[in-house]
């Protein structure tokens, strides 16, 4: 029996995510909308596949294992290419959503016509407890605002499948999702945000969000990749860095 075409395809890349992925998956299935979940395993060597075997019988679940390491960007792109939904949502395997996130985002996209839609996020410790801090998002995000700082977190995003395919994620040596959001908003005008922390964003030691030096280099590369010269890239980076000092202090 073939399931009806889903409204949303959720793309979840994972590498050695046995510790957290069950919570992420369960949060997807609590959304209350027609969806499919595509988990793209980038060569895990732990028990990730075993954990996910509990979902094998579901028609709205697909487990895809890369034959060789493709990185987060390549894994997301593979998922987008296989997706059947009208919309694409991304969720990393160590993050999770509050119930109602996708429903509210679909409503917002229908109301505004903006591309894409993100949400606020609550910063969580590695053990899943709250840091007590949230990162807000504006209701309307312009290209110029996005250049100054990336307020769009990948695990909070939903956008049309055709747009996700138009702007695949590239450059794993940089903030690959940020490059995509800049390209999307530059073409389509605005992004929209729901300022509620529907996303629970887990901070990991050594991750891009915690390693400020590594993140700084990657951010400068973003501006170069989207076509700006060294001087303008440096100016945008300075603005971004000042915001980042506050965000993850």
C-alpha atoms as a PDB file:
ATOM      1  CA  UNK A   1       0.000   0.000   0.000  1.00  0.00           C
ATOM      2  CA  UNK A   2       1.400   3.368  -1.050  1.00  0.00           C
ATOM      3  CA  UNK A   3       0.851   6.369   1.199  1.00  0.00           C
ATOM      4  CA  UNK A   4      -0.724   9.511  -0.186  1.00  0.00           C
ATOM      5  CA  UNK A   5       1.658  12.264  -1.213  1.00  0.00           C
ATOM      6  CA  UNK A   6       2.776  14.041   1.979  1.00  0.00           C
ATOM      7  CA  UNK A   7       2.445  17.778   2.449  1.00  0.00           C
ATOM      8  CA  UNK A   8       5.862  18.058   4.133  1.00  0.00           C
ATOM      9  CA  UNK A   9       9.061  16.075   3.713  1.00  0.00           C
ATOM     10  CA  UNK A  10      11.311  16.308   6.779  1.00  0.00           C
ATOM     11  CA  UNK A  11      14.995  15.811   5.966  1.00  0.00           C
ATOM     12  CA  UNK A  12      17.177  14.613   8.854  1.00  0.00           C
ATOM     13  CA  UNK A  13      20.902  14.033   8.207  1.00  0.00           C
ATOM     14  CA  UNK A  14      22.668  11.965  10.848  1.00  0.00           C
ATOM     15  CA  UNK A  15      26.144  10.719  11.665  1.00  0.00           C
ATOM     16  CA  UNK A  16      26.564   8.635  14.816  1.00  0.00           C
ATOM     17  CA  UNK A  17      23.378   9.979  16.339  1.00  0.00           C
ATOM     18  CA  UNK A  18      22.297   7.013  18.470  1.00  0.00           C
ATOM     19  CA  UNK A  19      22.219   9.120  21.634  1.00  0.00           C
ATOM     20  CA  UNK A  20      19.735  11.770  20.498  1.00  0.00           C
ATOM     21  CA  UNK A  21      17.966  10.764  17.303  1.00  0.00           C
ATOM     22  CA  UNK A  22      14.952   9.054  18.866  1.00  0.00           C
ATOM     23  CA  UNK A  23      13.890  12.330  20.508  1.00  0.00           C
ATOM     24  CA  UNK A  24      14.264  14.146  17.179  1.00  0.00           C
ATOM     25  CA  UNK A  25      12.190  11.538  15.314  1.00  0.00           C
ATOM     26  CA  UNK A  26       9.427  11.490  17.908  1.00  0.00           C
ATOM     27  CA  UNK A  27       9.158  15.289  17.741  1.00  0.00           C
ATOM     28  CA  UNK A  28       8.591  15.031  13.979  1.00  0.00           C
ATOM     29  CA  UNK A  29       5.719  12.594  14.417  1.00  0.00           C
ATOM     30  CA  UNK A  30       4.080  14.870  16.989  1.00  0.00           C
ATOM     31  CA  UNK A  31       3.540  17.644  14.420  1.00  0.00           C
ATOM     32  CA  UNK A  32       0.015  16.713  13.395  1.00  0.00           C
ATOM     33  CA  UNK A  33       0.431  17.347   9.645  1.00  0.00           C
ATOM     34  CA  UNK A  34       0.744  15.054   6.647  1.00  0.00           C
ATOM     35  CA  UNK A  35       4.449  14.296   6.339  1.00  0.00           C
ATOM     36  CA  UNK A  36       7.210  11.863   5.552  1.00  0.00           C
ATOM     37  CA  UNK A  37      10.528  11.616   7.377  1.00  0.00           C
ATOM     38  CA  UNK A  38      13.697  10.900   5.418  1.00  0.00           C
ATOM     39  CA  UNK A  39      16.713  10.069   7.587  1.00  0.00           C
ATOM     40  CA  UNK A  40      19.945  10.312   5.605  1.00  0.00           C
ATOM     41  CA  UNK A  41      22.646   8.346   7.418  1.00  0.00           C
ATOM     42  CA  UNK A  42      26.097   9.597   6.415  1.00  0.00           C
ATOM     43  CA  UNK A  43      27.937   6.409   7.323  1.00  0.00           C
ATOM     44  CA  UNK A  44      27.249   6.039  11.053  1.00  0.00           C
ATOM     45  CA  UNK A  45      29.437   3.532  12.865  1.00  0.00           C
ATOM     46  CA  UNK A  46      27.433   3.458  16.102  1.00  0.00           C
ATOM     47  CA  UNK A  47      23.942   2.010  16.743  1.00  0.00           C
ATOM     48  CA  UNK A  48      21.995   4.702  14.854  1.00  0.00           C
ATOM     49  CA  UNK A  49      20.545   2.200  12.378  1.00  0.00           C
ATOM     50  CA  UNK A  50      19.492  -0.114  15.195  1.00  0.00           C
ATOM     51  CA  UNK A  51      17.691   2.718  17.003  1.00  0.00           C
ATOM     52  CA  UNK A  52      15.871   3.668  13.803  1.00  0.00           C
ATOM     53  CA  UNK A  53      14.780   0.084  13.096  1.00  0.00           C
ATOM     54  CA  UNK A  54      11.843   0.755  15.444  1.00  0.00           C
ATOM     55  CA  UNK A  55      10.311   2.928  12.706  1.00  0.00           C
ATOM     56  CA  UNK A  56      10.872   0.578   9.749  1.00  0.00           C
ATOM     57  CA  UNK A  57       7.221  -0.452   9.468  1.00  0.00           C
ATOM     58  CA  UNK A  58       5.917   3.091   9.047  1.00  0.00           C
ATOM     59  CA  UNK A  59       4.876   4.220   5.560  1.00  0.00           C
ATOM     60  CA  UNK A  60       5.913   7.770   6.425  1.00  0.00           C
ATOM     61  CA  UNK A  61       9.505   6.799   7.300  1.00  0.00           C
ATOM     62  CA  UNK A  62      12.457   6.258   4.974  1.00  0.00           C
ATOM     63  CA  UNK A  63      15.987   5.368   6.016  1.00  0.00           C
ATOM     64  CA  UNK A  64      18.677   6.068   3.418  1.00  0.00           C
ATOM     65  CA  UNK A  65      22.313   5.203   4.074  1.00  0.00           C
ATOM     66  CA  UNK A  66      25.013   6.933   2.030  1.00  0.00           C
ATOM     67  CA  UNK A  67      27.521   4.579   0.447  1.00  0.00           C
ATOM     68  CA  UNK A  68      30.235   7.143   1.093  1.00  0.00           C
ATOM     69  CA  UNK A  69      30.470  10.188   3.334  1.00  0.00           C
ATOM     70  CA  UNK A  70      28.678  13.162   1.737  1.00  0.00           C
ATOM     71  CA  UNK A  71      28.721  15.639   4.627  1.00  0.00           C
ATOM     72  CA  UNK A  72      25.712  17.480   6.039  1.00  0.00           C
ATOM     73  CA  UNK A  73      25.097  19.532   2.890  1.00  0.00           C
ATOM     74  CA  UNK A  74      25.309  16.569   0.537  1.00  0.00           C
ATOM     75  CA  UNK A  75      23.075  14.478   2.798  1.00  0.00           C
ATOM     76  CA  UNK A  76      20.415  17.197   2.948  1.00  0.00           C
ATOM     77  CA  UNK A  77      20.565  17.593  -0.829  1.00  0.00           C
ATOM     78  CA  UNK A  78      20.118  13.854  -1.308  1.00  0.00           C
ATOM     79  CA  UNK A  79      17.059  13.961   0.918  1.00  0.00           C
ATOM     80  CA  UNK A  80      15.596  16.902  -0.979  1.00  0.00           C
ATOM     81  CA  UNK A  81      16.111  15.022  -4.244  1.00  0.00           C
ATOM     82  CA  UNK A  82      14.171  12.009  -2.919  1.00  0.00           C
ATOM     83  CA  UNK A  83      11.447  14.005  -1.182  1.00  0.00           C
ATOM     84  CA  UNK A  84       7.814  13.795  -2.308  1.00  0.00           C
ATOM     85  CA  UNK A  85       6.299  16.572  -0.210  1.00  0.00           C
ATOM     86  CA  UNK A  86       5.219  19.993  -1.421  1.00  0.00           C
ATOM     87  CA  UNK A  87       7.357  21.510   1.348  1.00  0.00           C
ATOM     88  CA  UNK A  88      10.760  20.660   2.800  1.00  0.00           C
ATOM     89  CA  UNK A  89      11.663  21.004   6.477  1.00  0.00           C
ATOM     90  CA  UNK A  90      15.092  20.313   7.926  1.00  0.00           C
ATOM     91  CA  UNK A  91      15.901  18.931  11.375  1.00  0.00           C
ATOM     92  CA  UNK A  92      19.298  17.850  12.672  1.00  0.00           C
ATOM     93  CA  UNK A  93      19.383  14.579  14.577  1.00  0.00           C
ATOM     94  CA  UNK A  94      20.416  16.154  17.892  1.00  0.00           C
ATOM     95  CA  UNK A  95      17.706  18.853  17.884  1.00  0.00           C
ATOM     96  CA  UNK A  96      13.950  18.563  18.343  1.00  0.00           C
ATOM     97  CA  UNK A  97      10.695  20.466  17.781  1.00  0.00           C
ATOM     98  CA  UNK A  98       7.782  21.473  19.949  1.00  0.00           C
ATOM     99  CA  UNK A  99       4.400  20.137  18.747  1.00  0.00           C
ATOM    100  CA  UNK A 100       2.600  22.479  16.365  1.00  0.00           C
ATOM    101  CA  UNK A 101       5.703  23.929  14.707  1.00  0.00           C
ATOM    102  CA  UNK A 102       5.012  22.767  11.164  1.00  0.00           C
ATOM    103  CA  UNK A 103       1.316  23.576  11.377  1.00  0.00           C
ATOM    104  CA  UNK A 104       2.023  27.182  12.357  1.00  0.00           C
ATOM    105  CA  UNK A 105       4.702  27.554   9.694  1.00  0.00           C
ATOM    106  CA  UNK A 106       2.455  26.246   6.927  1.00  0.00           C
ATOM    107  CA  UNK A 107      -0.180  28.742   8.000  1.00  0.00           C
ATOM    108  CA  UNK A 108       2.368  31.582   7.941  1.00  0.00           C
ATOM    109  CA  UNK A 109       3.665  30.645   4.479  1.00  0.00           C
ATOM    110  CA  UNK A 110       0.123  30.617   3.134  1.00  0.00           C
ATOM    111  CA  UNK A 111      -0.588  34.026   4.694  1.00  0.00           C
ATOM    112  CA  UNK A 112       2.586  35.800   3.548  1.00  0.00           C
ATOM    113  CA  UNK A 113       3.887  33.971   0.495  1.00  0.00           C
ATOM    114  CA  UNK A 114       7.426  34.544   1.834  1.00  0.00           C
ATOM    115  CA  UNK A 115      10.240  32.032   1.348  1.00  0.00           C
ATOM    116  CA  UNK A 116      11.421  30.476   3.672  1.00  0.00           C
ATOM    117  CA  UNK A 117       9.886  30.382   7.188  1.00  0.00           C
ATOM    118  CA  UNK A 118      11.934  29.858  10.347  1.00  0.00           C
ATOM    119  CA  UNK A 119      11.186  30.001  14.075  1.00  0.00           C
ATOM    120  CA  UNK A 120      12.846  31.140  17.263  1.00  0.00           C
ATOM    121  CA  UNK A 121      14.935  28.630  19.184  1.00  0.00           C
ATOM    122  CA  UNK A 122      15.769  27.716  22.728  1.00  0.00           C
ATOM    123  CA  UNK A 123      19.403  26.891  23.418  1.00  0.00           C
ATOM    124  CA  UNK A 124      19.772  23.534  25.148  1.00  0.00           C
ATOM    125  CA  UNK A 125      22.707  21.948  26.955  1.00  0.00           C
ATOM    126  CA  UNK A 126      24.196  18.715  25.632  1.00  0.00           C
ATOM    127  CA  UNK A 127      22.141  16.758  28.183  1.00  0.00           C
ATOM    128  CA  UNK A 128      18.894  18.261  26.838  1.00  0.00           C
ATOM    129  CA  UNK A 129      18.263  20.672  29.700  1.00  0.00           C
ATOM    130  CA  UNK A 130      17.639  24.327  28.966  1.00  0.00           C
ATOM    131  CA  UNK A 131      20.325  26.995  29.178  1.00  0.00           C
ATOM    132  CA  UNK A 132      17.533  29.472  29.901  1.00  0.00           C
ATOM    133  CA  UNK A 133      18.317  31.406  26.733  1.00  0.00           C
ATOM    134  CA  UNK A 134      16.321  31.810  23.547  1.00  0.00           C
ATOM    135  CA  UNK A 135      17.258  33.300  20.186  1.00  0.00           C
ATOM    136  CA  UNK A 136      14.399  35.365  18.706  1.00  0.00           C
ATOM    137  CA  UNK A 137      13.538  35.758  15.046  1.00  0.00           C
ATOM    138  CA  UNK A 138      11.863  38.667  13.259  1.00  0.00           C
ATOM    139  CA  UNK A 139       8.495  38.274  11.561  1.00  0.00           C
ATOM    140  CA  UNK A 140       9.933  39.703   8.320  1.00  0.00           C
ATOM    141  CA  UNK A 141      13.587  39.186   7.372  1.00  0.00           C
ATOM    142  CA  UNK A 142      15.107  41.178   4.516  1.00  0.00           C
ATOM    143  CA  UNK A 143      18.202  40.276   2.529  1.00  0.00           C
ATOM    144  CA  UNK A 144      20.170  43.175   4.053  1.00  0.00           C
ATOM    145  CA  UNK A 145      19.250  42.054   7.574  1.00  0.00           C
ATOM    146  CA  UNK A 146      20.236  38.492   6.765  1.00  0.00           C
ATOM    147  CA  UNK A 147      23.636  39.683   5.538  1.00  0.00           C
ATOM    148  CA  UNK A 148      24.298  41.261   8.937  1.00  0.00           C
ATOM    149  CA  UNK A 149      23.564  38.077  10.849  1.00  0.00           C
ATOM    150  CA  UNK A 150      22.053  34.703  10.107  1.00  0.00           C
ATOM    151  CA  UNK A 151      18.840  34.603  12.118  1.00  0.00           C
ATOM    152  CA  UNK A 152      17.613  31.543  10.181  1.00  0.00           C
ATOM    153  CA  UNK A 153      18.564  28.261  11.833  1.00  0.00           C
ATOM    154  CA  UNK A 154      18.495  25.260   9.505  1.00  0.00           C
ATOM    155  CA  UNK A 155      16.618  23.000  11.933  1.00  0.00           C
ATOM    156  CA  UNK A 156      13.797  25.552  12.113  1.00  0.00           C
ATOM    157  CA  UNK A 157      13.295  26.054   8.363  1.00  0.00           C
ATOM    158  CA  UNK A 158      10.472  25.084   6.050  1.00  0.00           C
ATOM    159  CA  UNK A 159      10.316  26.071   2.372  1.00  0.00           C
ATOM    160  CA  UNK A 160       8.843  24.852  -0.896  1.00  0.00           C
ATOM    161  CA  UNK A 161      10.477  21.778  -2.397  1.00  0.00           C
ATOM    162  CA  UNK A 162      11.045  23.493  -5.751  1.00  0.00           C
ATOM    163  CA  UNK A 163      12.985  26.289  -4.023  1.00  0.00           C
ATOM    164  CA  UNK A 164      15.079  23.800  -2.021  1.00  0.00           C
ATOM    165  CA  UNK A 165      15.979  22.070  -5.272  1.00  0.00           C
ATOM    166  CA  UNK A 166      16.728  25.381  -6.978  1.00  0.00           C
ATOM    167  CA  UNK A 167      19.276  26.287  -4.282  1.00  0.00           C
ATOM    168  CA  UNK A 168      21.013  23.119  -3.037  1.00  0.00           C
ATOM    169  CA  UNK A 169      23.375  23.431  -0.098  1.00  0.00           C
ATOM    170  CA  UNK A 170      27.051  23.659  -0.962  1.00  0.00           C
ATOM    171  CA  UNK A 171      30.426  24.212   0.701  1.00  0.00           C
ATOM    172  CA  UNK A 172      30.635  22.074   3.846  1.00  0.00           C
ATOM    173  CA  UNK A 173      33.764  24.090   4.720  1.00  0.00           C
ATOM    174  CA  UNK A 174      31.460  27.030   5.438  1.00  0.00           C
ATOM    175  CA  UNK A 175      27.977  27.619   6.883  1.00  0.00           C
ATOM    176  CA  UNK A 176      26.345  25.813   3.975  1.00  0.00           C
ATOM    177  CA  UNK A 177      22.785  26.586   5.035  1.00  0.00           C
ATOM    178  CA  UNK A 178      23.501  30.317   5.452  1.00  0.00           C
ATOM    179  CA  UNK A 179      24.721  30.488   1.845  1.00  0.00           C
ATOM    180  CA  UNK A 180      21.458  28.908   0.700  1.00  0.00           C
ATOM    181  CA  UNK A 181      19.253  31.271   2.744  1.00  0.00           C
ATOM    182  CA  UNK A 182      21.071  34.297   1.322  1.00  0.00           C
ATOM    183  CA  UNK A 183      20.566  33.068  -2.231  1.00  0.00           C
ATOM    184  CA  UNK A 184      16.899  32.263  -1.612  1.00  0.00           C
ATOM    185  CA  UNK A 185      16.072  35.585   0.034  1.00  0.00           C
ATOM    186  CA  UNK A 186      18.041  37.542  -2.571  1.00  0.00           C
ATOM    187  CA  UNK A 187      15.808  36.055  -5.271  1.00  0.00           C
ATOM    188  CA  UNK A 188      12.449  35.835  -3.471  1.00  0.00           C
ATOM    189  CA  UNK A 189      12.596  39.048  -1.433  1.00  0.00           C
ATOM    190  CA  UNK A 190      11.907  38.134   2.183  1.00  0.00           C
ATOM    191  CA  UNK A 191      11.938  35.347   4.716  1.00  0.00           C
ATOM    192  CA  UNK A 192       9.416  35.136   7.521  1.00  0.00           C
ATOM    193  CA  UNK A 193       9.829  34.061  11.112  1.00  0.00           C
ATOM    194  CA  UNK A 194       7.619  32.900  13.967  1.00  0.00           C
ATOM    195  CA  UNK A 195       9.062  34.316  17.164  1.00  0.00           C
ATOM    196  CA  UNK A 196       8.376  31.335  19.375  1.00  0.00           C
ATOM    197  CA  UNK A 197      11.101  28.829  20.349  1.00  0.00           C
ATOM    198  CA  UNK A 198       9.556  25.871  18.553  1.00  0.00           C
ATOM    199  CA  UNK A 199      13.092  24.588  17.921  1.00  0.00           C
ATOM    200  CA  UNK A 200      15.090  23.102  20.776  1.00  0.00           C
ATOM    201  CA  UNK A 201      18.679  23.582  19.626  1.00  0.00           C
ATOM    202  CA  UNK A 202      21.302  21.445  21.338  1.00  0.00           C
ATOM    203  CA  UNK A 203      24.705  23.058  21.838  1.00  0.00           C
ATOM    204  CA  UNK A 204      27.538  20.588  21.347  1.00  0.00           C
ATOM    205  CA  UNK A 205      31.158  21.054  22.329  1.00  0.00           C
ATOM    206  CA  UNK A 206      33.264  21.650  19.218  1.00  0.00           C
ATOM    207  CA  UNK A 207      30.234  22.361  17.030  1.00  0.00           C
ATOM    208  CA  UNK A 208      30.136  25.279  14.640  1.00  0.00           C
ATOM    209  CA  UNK A 209      27.995  27.300  17.022  1.00  0.00           C
ATOM    210  CA  UNK A 210      30.450  26.862  19.936  1.00  0.00           C
ATOM    211  CA  UNK A 211      33.823  27.143  18.173  1.00  0.00           C
ATOM    212  CA  UNK A 212      33.920  30.881  17.573  1.00  0.00           C
ATOM    213  CA  UNK A 213      37.232  30.930  15.689  1.00  0.00           C
ATOM    214  CA  UNK A 214      36.111  28.219  13.286  1.00  0.00           C
ATOM    215  CA  UNK A 215      32.727  29.869  12.840  1.00  0.00           C
ATOM    216  CA  UNK A 216      34.357  33.232  12.103  1.00  0.00           C
ATOM    217  CA  UNK A 217      36.393  31.809   9.228  1.00  0.00           C
ATOM    218  CA  UNK A 218      33.345  30.019   7.854  1.00  0.00           C
ATOM    219  CA  UNK A 219      31.230  33.164   8.007  1.00  0.00           C
ATOM    220  CA  UNK A 220      33.768  35.187   6.039  1.00  0.00           C
ATOM    221  CA  UNK A 221      33.774  32.408   3.429  1.00  0.00           C
ATOM    222  CA  UNK A 222      29.977  32.659   3.156  1.00  0.00           C
ATOM    223  CA  UNK A 223      30.202  36.224   1.852  1.00  0.00           C
ATOM    224  CA  UNK A 224      32.926  35.247  -0.599  1.00  0.00           C
ATOM    225  CA  UNK A 225      30.883  32.288  -1.857  1.00  0.00           C
ATOM    226  CA  UNK A 226      27.805  34.441  -2.527  1.00  0.00           C
ATOM    227  CA  UNK A 227      29.884  36.776  -4.662  1.00  0.00           C
ATOM    228  CA  UNK A 228      31.185  39.649  -2.513  1.00  0.00           C
ATOM    229  CA  UNK A 229      34.760  40.954  -2.716  1.00  0.00           C
ATOM    230  CA  UNK A 230      37.250  40.845   0.184  1.00  0.00           C
ATOM    231  CA  UNK A 231      36.489  44.350   1.502  1.00  0.00           C
ATOM    232  CA  UNK A 232      32.690  44.065   1.518  1.00  0.00           C
ATOM    233  CA  UNK A 233      32.964  40.553   2.909  1.00  0.00           C
ATOM    234  CA  UNK A 234      35.093  41.895   5.760  1.00  0.00           C
ATOM    235  CA  UNK A 235      32.505  44.618   6.510  1.00  0.00           C
ATOM    236  CA  UNK A 236      29.634  42.126   6.571  1.00  0.00           C
ATOM    237  CA  UNK A 237      31.715  39.801   8.719  1.00  0.00           C
ATOM    238  CA  UNK A 238      32.391  42.533  11.292  1.00  0.00           C
ATOM    239  CA  UNK A 239      28.659  43.150  11.698  1.00  0.00           C
ATOM    240  CA  UNK A 240      28.016  39.412  11.938  1.00  0.00           C
ATOM    241  CA  UNK A 241      30.779  38.922  14.504  1.00  0.00           C
ATOM    242  CA  UNK A 242      29.458  41.634  16.809  1.00  0.00           C
ATOM    243  CA  UNK A 243      26.051  39.972  16.816  1.00  0.00           C
ATOM    244  CA  UNK A 244      27.583  36.536  17.347  1.00  0.00           C
ATOM    245  CA  UNK A 245      29.476  37.667  20.450  1.00  0.00           C
ATOM    246  CA  UNK A 246      26.127  38.456  22.045  1.00  0.00           C
ATOM    247  CA  UNK A 247      24.268  35.405  20.729  1.00  0.00           C
ATOM    248  CA  UNK A 248      26.534  32.660  22.077  1.00  0.00           C
ATOM    249  CA  UNK A 249      28.271  34.412  24.950  1.00  0.00           C
END
